[in-house]
Amino acid sequence: MKDPIVEEVRKYRMEHTRKFRGDLSAICADLRSIQIASGYKVVRLSPRKPEPTKASSRPAKPESLGT
């Protein structure tokens, strides 16, 4: 099944890649300039620390103890 939205995104991404002949540095620089020109604030959040998991209060099953 083809998703028309995904197909459209891929089309424009490929056009952008061809414009810079696949030069990833140039592509990224262009995307950064577009981002800056948009006027939207870019937010970078620090990664969340995983919450500690609670140990099970049930005793382990005998077959899981390796006997």
PDB file of N, CA and C in Angstrom:
ATOM      1  N   MET A   1       0.836  -1.176   0.000  1.00  0.00           N
ATOM      2  CA  MET A   1       0.000   0.000   0.000  1.00  0.00           C
ATOM      3  C   MET A   1       0.887   1.249   0.000  1.00  0.00           C
ATOM      4  N   LYS A   2       0.591   2.177  -0.847  1.00  0.00           N
ATOM      5  CA  LYS A   2       1.362   3.422  -0.910  1.00  0.00           C
ATOM      6  C   LYS A   2       0.586   4.533  -0.222  1.00  0.00           C
ATOM      7  N   ASP A   3       1.287   5.242   0.625  1.00  0.00           N
ATOM      8  CA  ASP A   3       0.691   6.373   1.336  1.00  0.00           C
ATOM      9  C   ASP A   3       1.017   7.633   0.541  1.00  0.00           C
ATOM     10  N   PRO A   4       0.024   8.394   0.100  1.00  0.00           N
ATOM     11  CA  PRO A   4       0.294   9.576  -0.719  1.00  0.00           C
ATOM     12  C   PRO A   4       1.111  10.638   0.019  1.00  0.00           C
ATOM     13  N   ILE A   5       0.952  10.740   1.314  1.00  0.00           N
ATOM     14  CA  ILE A   5       1.721  11.735   2.069  1.00  0.00           C
ATOM     15  C   ILE A   5       3.191  11.338   2.104  1.00  0.00           C
ATOM     16  N   VAL A   6       3.456  10.056   2.359  1.00  0.00           N
ATOM     17  CA  VAL A   6       4.839   9.566   2.380  1.00  0.00           C
ATOM     18  C   VAL A   6       5.464   9.742   1.002  1.00  0.00           C
ATOM     19  N   GLU A   7       4.724   9.426  -0.037  1.00  0.00           N
ATOM     20  CA  GLU A   7       5.233   9.590  -1.395  1.00  0.00           C
ATOM     21  C   GLU A   7       5.581  11.049  -1.695  1.00  0.00           C
ATOM     22  N   GLU A   8       4.744  11.968  -1.249  1.00  0.00           N
ATOM     23  CA  GLU A   8       5.010  13.390  -1.476  1.00  0.00           C
ATOM     24  C   GLU A   8       6.267  13.842  -0.735  1.00  0.00           C
ATOM     25  N   VAL A   9       6.423  13.404   0.506  1.00  0.00           N
ATOM     26  CA  VAL A   9       7.616  13.759   1.290  1.00  0.00           C
ATOM     27  C   VAL A   9       8.863  13.223   0.603  1.00  0.00           C
ATOM     28  N   ARG A  10       8.801  11.987   0.149  1.00  0.00           N
ATOM     29  CA  ARG A  10       9.953  11.390  -0.543  1.00  0.00           C
ATOM     30  C   ARG A  10      10.285  12.143  -1.825  1.00  0.00           C
ATOM     31  N   LYS A  11       9.261  12.581  -2.549  1.00  0.00           N
ATOM     32  CA  LYS A  11       9.462  13.329  -3.793  1.00  0.00           C
ATOM     33  C   LYS A  11      10.236  14.624  -3.523  1.00  0.00           C
ATOM     34  N   TYR A  12       9.769  15.391  -2.527  1.00  0.00           N
ATOM     35  CA  TYR A  12      10.433  16.667  -2.229  1.00  0.00           C
ATOM     36  C   TYR A  12      11.816  16.466  -1.632  1.00  0.00           C
ATOM     37  N   ARG A  13      11.983  15.403  -0.852  1.00  0.00           N
ATOM     38  CA  ARG A  13      13.305  15.110  -0.290  1.00  0.00           C
ATOM     39  C   ARG A  13      14.282  14.783  -1.406  1.00  0.00           C
ATOM     40  N   MET A  14      13.832  14.011  -2.395  1.00  0.00           N
ATOM     41  CA  MET A  14      14.699  13.654  -3.513  1.00  0.00           C
ATOM     42  C   MET A  14      15.041  14.882  -4.356  1.00  0.00           C
ATOM     43  N   GLU A  15      14.075  15.761  -4.569  1.00  0.00           N
ATOM     44  CA  GLU A  15      14.352  16.997  -5.304  1.00  0.00           C
ATOM     45  C   GLU A  15      15.393  17.840  -4.574  1.00  0.00           C
ATOM     46  N   HIS A  16      15.271  17.919  -3.264  1.00  0.00           N
ATOM     47  CA  HIS A  16      16.220  18.699  -2.462  1.00  0.00           C
ATOM     48  C   HIS A  16      17.599  18.067  -2.538  1.00  0.00           C
ATOM     49  N   THR A  17      17.665  16.747  -2.499  1.00  0.00           N
ATOM     50  CA  THR A  17      18.944  16.037  -2.582  1.00  0.00           C
ATOM     51  C   THR A  17      19.599  16.280  -3.943  1.00  0.00           C
ATOM     52  N   ARG A  18      18.819  16.227  -5.003  1.00  0.00           N
ATOM     53  CA  ARG A  18      19.365  16.473  -6.347  1.00  0.00           C
ATOM     54  C   ARG A  18      19.875  17.904  -6.497  1.00  0.00           C
ATOM     55  N   LYS A  19      19.175  18.847  -5.872  1.00  0.00           N
ATOM     56  CA  LYS A  19      19.569  20.258  -5.952  1.00  0.00           C
ATOM     57  C   LYS A  19      20.998  20.449  -5.458  1.00  0.00           C
ATOM     58  N   PHE A  20      21.400  19.675  -4.458  1.00  0.00           N
ATOM     59  CA  PHE A  20      22.746  19.786  -3.878  1.00  0.00           C
ATOM     60  C   PHE A  20      23.629  18.613  -4.256  1.00  0.00           C
ATOM     61  N   ARG A  21      23.196  17.861  -5.273  1.00  0.00           N
ATOM     62  CA  ARG A  21      23.961  16.731  -5.812  1.00  0.00           C
ATOM     63  C   ARG A  21      24.395  15.752  -4.721  1.00  0.00           C
ATOM     64  N   GLY A  22      23.530  15.558  -3.730  1.00  0.00           N
ATOM     65  CA  GLY A  22      23.794  14.579  -2.678  1.00  0.00           C
ATOM     66  C   GLY A  22      24.806  15.007  -1.636  1.00  0.00           C
ATOM     67  N   ASP A  23      25.260  16.256  -1.701  1.00  0.00           N
ATOM     68  CA  ASP A  23      26.239  16.757  -0.730  1.00  0.00           C
ATOM     69  C   ASP A  23      25.533  16.989   0.615  1.00  0.00           C
ATOM     70  N   LEU A  24      25.749  16.078   1.552  1.00  0.00           N
ATOM     71  CA  LEU A  24      25.040  16.123   2.821  1.00  0.00           C
ATOM     72  C   LEU A  24      25.332  17.403   3.600  1.00  0.00           C
ATOM     73  N   SER A  25      26.548  17.888   3.555  1.00  0.00           N
ATOM     74  CA  SER A  25      26.886  19.138   4.262  1.00  0.00           C
ATOM     75  C   SER A  25      26.088  20.311   3.704  1.00  0.00           C
ATOM     76  N   ALA A  26      25.987  20.377   2.385  1.00  0.00           N
ATOM     77  CA  ALA A  26      25.233  21.461   1.745  1.00  0.00           C
ATOM     78  C   ALA A  26      23.740  21.333   2.035  1.00  0.00           C
ATOM     79  N   ILE A  27      23.239  20.104   2.038  1.00  0.00           N
ATOM     80  CA  ILE A  27      21.823  19.876   2.332  1.00  0.00           C
ATOM     81  C   ILE A  27      21.507  20.342   3.752  1.00  0.00           C
ATOM     82  N   CYS A  28      22.345  19.934   4.713  1.00  0.00           N
ATOM     83  CA  CYS A  28      22.123  20.322   6.112  1.00  0.00           C
ATOM     84  C   CYS A  28      22.226  21.826   6.300  1.00  0.00           C
ATOM     85  N   ALA A  29      23.201  22.460   5.637  1.00  0.00           N
ATOM     86  CA  ALA A  29      23.345  23.910   5.740  1.00  0.00           C
ATOM     87  C   ALA A  29      22.102  24.609   5.194  1.00  0.00           C
ATOM     88  N   ASP A  30      21.571  24.107   4.090  1.00  0.00           N
ATOM     89  CA  ASP A  30      20.364  24.700   3.517  1.00  0.00           C
ATOM     90  C   ASP A  30      19.176  24.528   4.460  1.00  0.00           C
ATOM     91  N   LEU A  31      19.023  23.328   5.037  1.00  0.00           N
ATOM     92  CA  LEU A  31      17.916  23.091   5.963  1.00  0.00           C
ATOM     93  C   LEU A  31      18.033  23.982   7.202  1.00  0.00           C
ATOM     94  N   ARG A  32      19.265  24.197   7.679  1.00  0.00           N
ATOM     95  CA  ARG A  32      19.452  25.100   8.823  1.00  0.00           C
ATOM     96  C   ARG A  32      19.050  26.528   8.467  1.00  0.00           C
ATOM     97  N   SER A  33      19.402  26.971   7.267  1.00  0.00           N
ATOM     98  CA  SER A  33      19.041  28.335   6.871  1.00  0.00           C
ATOM     99  C   SER A  33      17.524  28.475   6.733  1.00  0.00           C
ATOM    100  N   ILE A  34      16.867  27.439   6.231  1.00  0.00           N
ATOM    101  CA  ILE A  34      15.404  27.460   6.137  1.00  0.00           C
ATOM    102  C   ILE A  34      14.803  27.512   7.538  1.00  0.00           C
ATOM    103  N   GLN A  35      15.381  26.739   8.434  1.00  0.00           N
ATOM    104  CA  GLN A  35      14.903  26.711   9.827  1.00  0.00           C
ATOM    105  C   GLN A  35      15.038  28.080  10.477  1.00  0.00           C
ATOM    106  N   ILE A  36      16.163  28.738  10.291  1.00  0.00           N
ATOM    107  CA  ILE A  36      16.392  30.061  10.872  1.00  0.00           C
ATOM    108  C   ILE A  36      15.436  31.083  10.263  1.00  0.00           C
ATOM    109  N   ALA A  37      15.251  30.999   8.955  1.00  0.00           N
ATOM    110  CA  ALA A  37      14.367  31.945   8.266  1.00  0.00           C
ATOM    111  C   ALA A  37      12.904  31.763   8.661  1.00  0.00           C
ATOM    112  N   SER A  38      12.545  30.583   9.151  1.00  0.00           N
ATOM    113  CA  SER A  38      11.150  30.329   9.517  1.00  0.00           C
ATOM    114  C   SER A  38      10.704  31.168  10.705  1.00  0.00           C
ATOM    115  N   GLY A  39      11.664  31.539  11.555  1.00  0.00           N
ATOM    116  CA  GLY A  39      11.329  32.335  12.725  1.00  0.00           C
ATOM    117  C   GLY A  39      10.840  31.522  13.916  1.00  0.00           C
ATOM    118  N   TYR A  40      10.686  30.218  13.742  1.00  0.00           N
ATOM    119  CA  TYR A  40      10.251  29.377  14.846  1.00  0.00           C
ATOM    120  C   TYR A  40      11.424  29.077  15.783  1.00  0.00           C
ATOM    121  N   LYS A  41      11.149  29.053  17.057  1.00  0.00           N
ATOM    122  CA  LYS A  41      12.177  28.747  18.035  1.00  0.00           C
ATOM    123  C   LYS A  41      12.433  27.241  18.042  1.00  0.00           C
ATOM    124  N   VAL A  42      13.703  26.868  17.973  1.00  0.00           N
ATOM    125  CA  VAL A  42      14.079  25.461  18.014  1.00  0.00           C
ATOM    126  C   VAL A  42      14.325  25.093  19.465  1.00  0.00           C
ATOM    127  N   VAL A  43      13.683  24.048  19.900  1.00  0.00           N
ATOM    128  CA  VAL A  43      13.814  23.612  21.282  1.00  0.00           C
ATOM    129  C   VAL A  43      14.562  22.296  21.304  1.00  0.00           C
ATOM    130  N   ARG A  44      15.599  22.242  22.110  1.00  0.00           N
ATOM    131  CA  ARG A  44      16.344  20.999  22.294  1.00  0.00           C
ATOM    132  C   ARG A  44      16.253  20.621  23.763  1.00  0.00           C
ATOM    133  N   LEU A  45      15.591  19.538  24.011  1.00  0.00           N
ATOM    134  CA  LEU A  45      15.428  19.070  25.373  1.00  0.00           C
ATOM    135  C   LEU A  45      16.519  18.056  25.698  1.00  0.00           C
ATOM    136  N   SER A  46      16.971  18.082  26.946  1.00  0.00           N
ATOM    137  CA  SER A  46      17.950  17.082  27.342  1.00  0.00           C
ATOM    138  C   SER A  46      17.228  15.747  27.488  1.00  0.00           C
ATOM    139  N   PRO A  47      17.945  14.656  27.273  1.00  0.00           N
ATOM    140  CA  PRO A  47      17.290  13.351  27.368  1.00  0.00           C
ATOM    141  C   PRO A  47      16.771  13.089  28.775  1.00  0.00           C
ATOM    142  N   ARG A  48      15.651  12.425  28.832  1.00  0.00           N
ATOM    143  CA  ARG A  48      15.088  12.070  30.130  1.00  0.00           C
ATOM    144  C   ARG A  48      15.822  10.863  30.690  1.00  0.00           C
ATOM    145  N   LYS A  49      16.024  10.878  32.009  1.00  0.00           N
ATOM    146  CA  LYS A  49      16.616   9.720  32.659  1.00  0.00           C
ATOM    147  C   LYS A  49      15.503   8.700  32.873  1.00  0.00           C
ATOM    148  N   PRO A  50      15.781   7.444  32.565  1.00  0.00           N
ATOM    149  CA  PRO A  50      14.741   6.442  32.765  1.00  0.00           C
ATOM    150  C   PRO A  50      14.419   6.285  34.245  1.00  0.00           C
ATOM    151  N   GLU A  51      13.142   6.116  34.521  1.00  0.00           N
ATOM    152  CA  GLU A  51      12.734   5.911  35.904  1.00  0.00           C
ATOM    153  C   GLU A  51      13.118   4.506  36.324  1.00  0.00           C
ATOM    154  N   PRO A  52      13.600   4.355  37.565  1.00  0.00           N
ATOM    155  CA  PRO A  52      13.969   3.006  38.017  1.00  0.00           C
ATOM    156  C   PRO A  52      12.731   2.116  38.059  1.00  0.00           C
ATOM    157  N   THR A  53      12.906   0.890  37.645  1.00  0.00           N
ATOM    158  CA  THR A  53      11.785  -0.043  37.657  1.00  0.00           C
ATOM    159  C   THR A  53      11.652  -0.647  39.043  1.00  0.00           C
ATOM    160  N   LYS A  54      10.431  -0.902  39.410  1.00  0.00           N
ATOM    161  CA  LYS A  54      10.178  -1.504  40.712  1.00  0.00           C
ATOM    162  C   LYS A  54      10.372  -3.009  40.600  1.00  0.00           C
ATOM    163  N   ALA A  55      11.091  -3.570  41.582  1.00  0.00           N
ATOM    164  CA  ALA A  55      11.295  -5.017  41.601  1.00  0.00           C
ATOM    165  C   ALA A  55       9.971  -5.688  41.937  1.00  0.00           C
ATOM    166  N   SER A  56       9.766  -6.812  41.338  1.00  0.00           N
ATOM    167  CA  SER A  56       8.530  -7.545  41.580  1.00  0.00           C
ATOM    168  C   SER A  56       8.480  -8.013  43.027  1.00  0.00           C
ATOM    169  N   SER A  57       7.320  -7.885  43.654  1.00  0.00           N
ATOM    170  CA  SER A  57       7.177  -8.309  45.047  1.00  0.00           C
ATOM    171  C   SER A  57       6.872  -9.792  45.131  1.00  0.00           C
ATOM    172  N   ARG A  58       6.610 -10.435  43.992  1.00  0.00           N
ATOM    173  CA  ARG A  58       6.337 -11.862  43.991  1.00  0.00           C
ATOM    174  C   ARG A  58       7.648 -12.636  43.986  1.00  0.00           C
ATOM    175  N   PRO A  59       7.684 -13.786  44.672  1.00  0.00           N
ATOM    176  CA  PRO A  59       8.910 -14.597  44.642  1.00  0.00           C
ATOM    177  C   PRO A  59       9.110 -15.183  43.244  1.00  0.00           C
ATOM    178  N   ALA A  60      10.360 -15.412  42.887  1.00  0.00           N
ATOM    179  CA  ALA A  60      10.682 -15.961  41.574  1.00  0.00           C
ATOM    180  C   ALA A  60      10.199 -17.396  41.479  1.00  0.00           C
ATOM    181  N   LYS A  61       9.813 -17.797  40.275  1.00  0.00           N
ATOM    182  CA  LYS A  61       9.391 -19.177  40.048  1.00  0.00           C
ATOM    183  C   LYS A  61      10.612 -20.079  40.111  1.00  0.00           C
ATOM    184  N   PRO A  62      10.491 -21.281  40.647  1.00  0.00           N
ATOM    185  CA  PRO A  62      11.641 -22.188  40.770  1.00  0.00           C
ATOM    186  C   PRO A  62      12.341 -22.462  39.436  1.00  0.00           C
ATOM    187  N   GLU A  63      11.580 -22.603  38.317  1.00  0.00           N
ATOM    188  CA  GLU A  63      12.234 -22.903  37.039  1.00  0.00           C
ATOM    189  C   GLU A  63      13.080 -21.731  36.514  1.00  0.00           C
ATOM    190  N   SER A  64      12.845 -20.520  37.019  1.00  0.00           N
ATOM    191  CA  SER A  64      13.639 -19.383  36.563  1.00  0.00           C
ATOM    192  C   SER A  64      14.910 -19.196  37.381  1.00  0.00           C
ATOM    193  N   LEU A  65      15.116 -20.028  38.399  1.00  0.00           N
ATOM    194  CA  LEU A  65      16.306 -19.901  39.245  1.00  0.00           C
ATOM    195  C   LEU A  65      17.480 -20.704  38.700  1.00  0.00           C
ATOM    196  N   GLY A  66      17.291 -21.378  37.580  1.00  0.00           N
ATOM    197  CA  GLY A  66      18.398 -22.084  36.975  1.00  0.00           C
ATOM    198  C   GLY A  66      18.640 -23.448  37.585  1.00  0.00           C
ATOM    199  N   THR A  67      17.649 -24.051  38.197  1.00  0.00           N
ATOM    200  CA  THR A  67      17.838 -25.373  38.789  1.00  0.00           C
ATOM    201  C   THR A  67      17.459 -26.471  37.858  1.00  0.00           C
TER     202      THR A  67
END
